[in-house]
C-alpha atoms as a PDB file:
ATOM      1  CA  MET A   1      86.405 121.704  94.122  1.00  0.00           C
ATOM      2  CA  LYS A   2      90.008 122.668  95.930  1.00  0.00           C
ATOM      3  CA  VAL A   3      93.502 122.566  95.144  1.00  0.00           C
ATOM      4  CA  TYR A   4      96.335 122.260  97.731  1.00  0.00           C
ATOM      5  CA  ARG A   5     100.146 122.052  97.484  1.00  0.00           C
ATOM      6  CA  LEU A   6     102.998 119.857  99.449  1.00  0.00           C
ATOM      7  CA  LYS A   7     104.348 122.239 101.921  1.00  0.00           C
ATOM      8  CA  ARG A   8     107.378 119.563 102.757  1.00  0.00           C
ATOM      9  CA  GLN A   9     107.155 116.229 101.380  1.00  0.00           C
ATOM     10  CA  PHE A  10     105.065 113.198 102.262  1.00  0.00           C
ATOM     11  CA  ASN A  11     104.038 110.051 101.213  1.00  0.00           C
ATOM     12  CA  GLY A  12     107.515 109.736  99.016  1.00  0.00           C
ATOM     13  CA  TYR A  13     105.778 112.713  97.319  1.00  0.00           C
ATOM     14  CA  LYS A  14     107.863 116.356  96.528  1.00  0.00           C
ATOM     15  CA  ARG A  15     107.258 119.616  98.166  1.00  0.00           C
ATOM     16  CA  GLY A  16     104.929 121.615  95.372  1.00  0.00           C
ATOM     17  CA  THR A  17     103.150 118.741  94.285  1.00  0.00           C
ATOM     18  CA  GLN A  18      99.940 119.766  93.516  1.00  0.00           C
ATOM     19  CA  PHE A  19      96.771 118.325  94.855  1.00  0.00           C
ATOM     20  CA  TYR A  20      92.797 117.988  94.021  1.00  0.00           C
ATOM     21  CA  LEU A  21      90.429 117.242  97.805  1.00  0.00           C
ATOM     22  CA  ILE A  22      88.057 114.960  95.708  1.00  0.00           C
ATOM     23  CA  VAL A  23      85.567 113.842  98.755  1.00  0.00           C
ATOM     24  CA  GLU A  24      85.964 115.000 102.612  1.00  0.00           C
ATOM     25  CA  SER A  25      84.431 112.944 104.966  1.00  0.00           C
ATOM     26  CA  GLU A  26      83.589 113.289 108.895  1.00  0.00           C
ATOM     27  CA  PHE A  27      82.570 110.201 111.161  1.00  0.00           C
ATOM     28  CA  ILE A  28      82.562 110.726 114.611  1.00  0.00           C
ATOM     29  CA  GLY A  29      84.409 114.024 114.888  1.00  0.00           C
ATOM     30  CA  VAL A  30      87.215 112.523 112.466  1.00  0.00           C
ATOM     31  CA  LYS A  31      87.647 114.320 109.376  1.00  0.00           C
ATOM     32  CA  GLU A  32      89.308 111.911 106.659  1.00  0.00           C
ATOM     33  CA  PHE A  33      89.334 113.361 103.387  1.00  0.00           C
ATOM     34  CA  VAL A  34      90.762 111.970  99.389  1.00  0.00           C
ATOM     35  CA  LEU A  35      93.292 113.971  97.338  1.00  0.00           C
ATOM     36  CA  ARG A  36      94.082 113.649  93.806  1.00  0.00           C
ATOM     37  CA  THR A  37      97.646 114.632  92.482  1.00  0.00           C
ATOM     38  CA  LYS A  38      96.791 116.633  90.098  1.00  0.00           C
ATOM     39  CA  ASP A  39      98.240 114.712  87.267  1.00  0.00           C
ATOM     40  CA  LEU A  40      94.718 111.859  88.624  1.00  0.00           C
ATOM     41  CA  THR A  41      97.055 108.734  88.623  1.00  0.00           C
ATOM     42  CA  ASN A  42      97.906 109.758  92.347  1.00  0.00           C
ATOM     43  CA  SER A  43      95.399 109.715  95.605  1.00  0.00           C
ATOM     44  CA  ILE A  44      95.936 109.345  99.295  1.00  0.00           C
ATOM     45  CA  SER A  45      93.423 109.616 102.074  1.00  0.00           C
ATOM     46  CA  ILE A  46      94.769 112.084 105.241  1.00  0.00           C
ATOM     47  CA  ASN A  47      93.324 112.778 108.607  1.00  0.00           C
ATOM     48  CA  GLU A  48      92.785 116.647 109.097  1.00  0.00           C
ATOM     49  CA  ASN A  49      95.866 116.730 111.258  1.00  0.00           C
ATOM     50  CA  GLU A  50      98.053 115.494 108.379  1.00  0.00           C
ATOM     51  CA  LEU A  51      96.254 117.996 105.806  1.00  0.00           C
ATOM     52  CA  LEU A  52      96.947 121.145 108.204  1.00  0.00           C
ATOM     53  CA  LYS A  53     100.564 120.262 108.478  1.00  0.00           C
ATOM     54  CA  ASN A  54     101.969 119.397 105.219  1.00  0.00           C
ATOM     55  CA  PHE A  55      99.608 121.292 103.119  1.00  0.00           C
ATOM     56  CA  THR A  56      98.572 125.036 102.198  1.00  0.00           C
ATOM     57  CA  PHE A  57      95.434 125.867 100.532  1.00  0.00           C
ATOM     58  CA  ILE A  58      96.410 127.308  96.716  1.00  0.00           C
ATOM     59  CA  LYS A  59      92.012 127.887  95.377  1.00  0.00           C
ATOM     60  CA  GLU A  60      89.182 126.915  94.843  1.00  0.00           C
ATOM     61  CA  ILE A  61      87.930 125.889  91.538  1.00  0.00           C
ATOM     62  CA  PHE A  62      84.007 125.489  90.807  1.00  0.00           C
END
């Protein structure tokens, strides 16, 4: 599982909020990602551009 951190405020979440990457899917060249907050209470679905622009990869946990 991968952990990401917000670079800047996004969709009501504060900068620095950590997320787990839960699902990564691709359909006809469009990638979609589902992330959950570290406390697992909220989730968001974003595209690849939003992930690259607003999130920083922190680490991968097994």
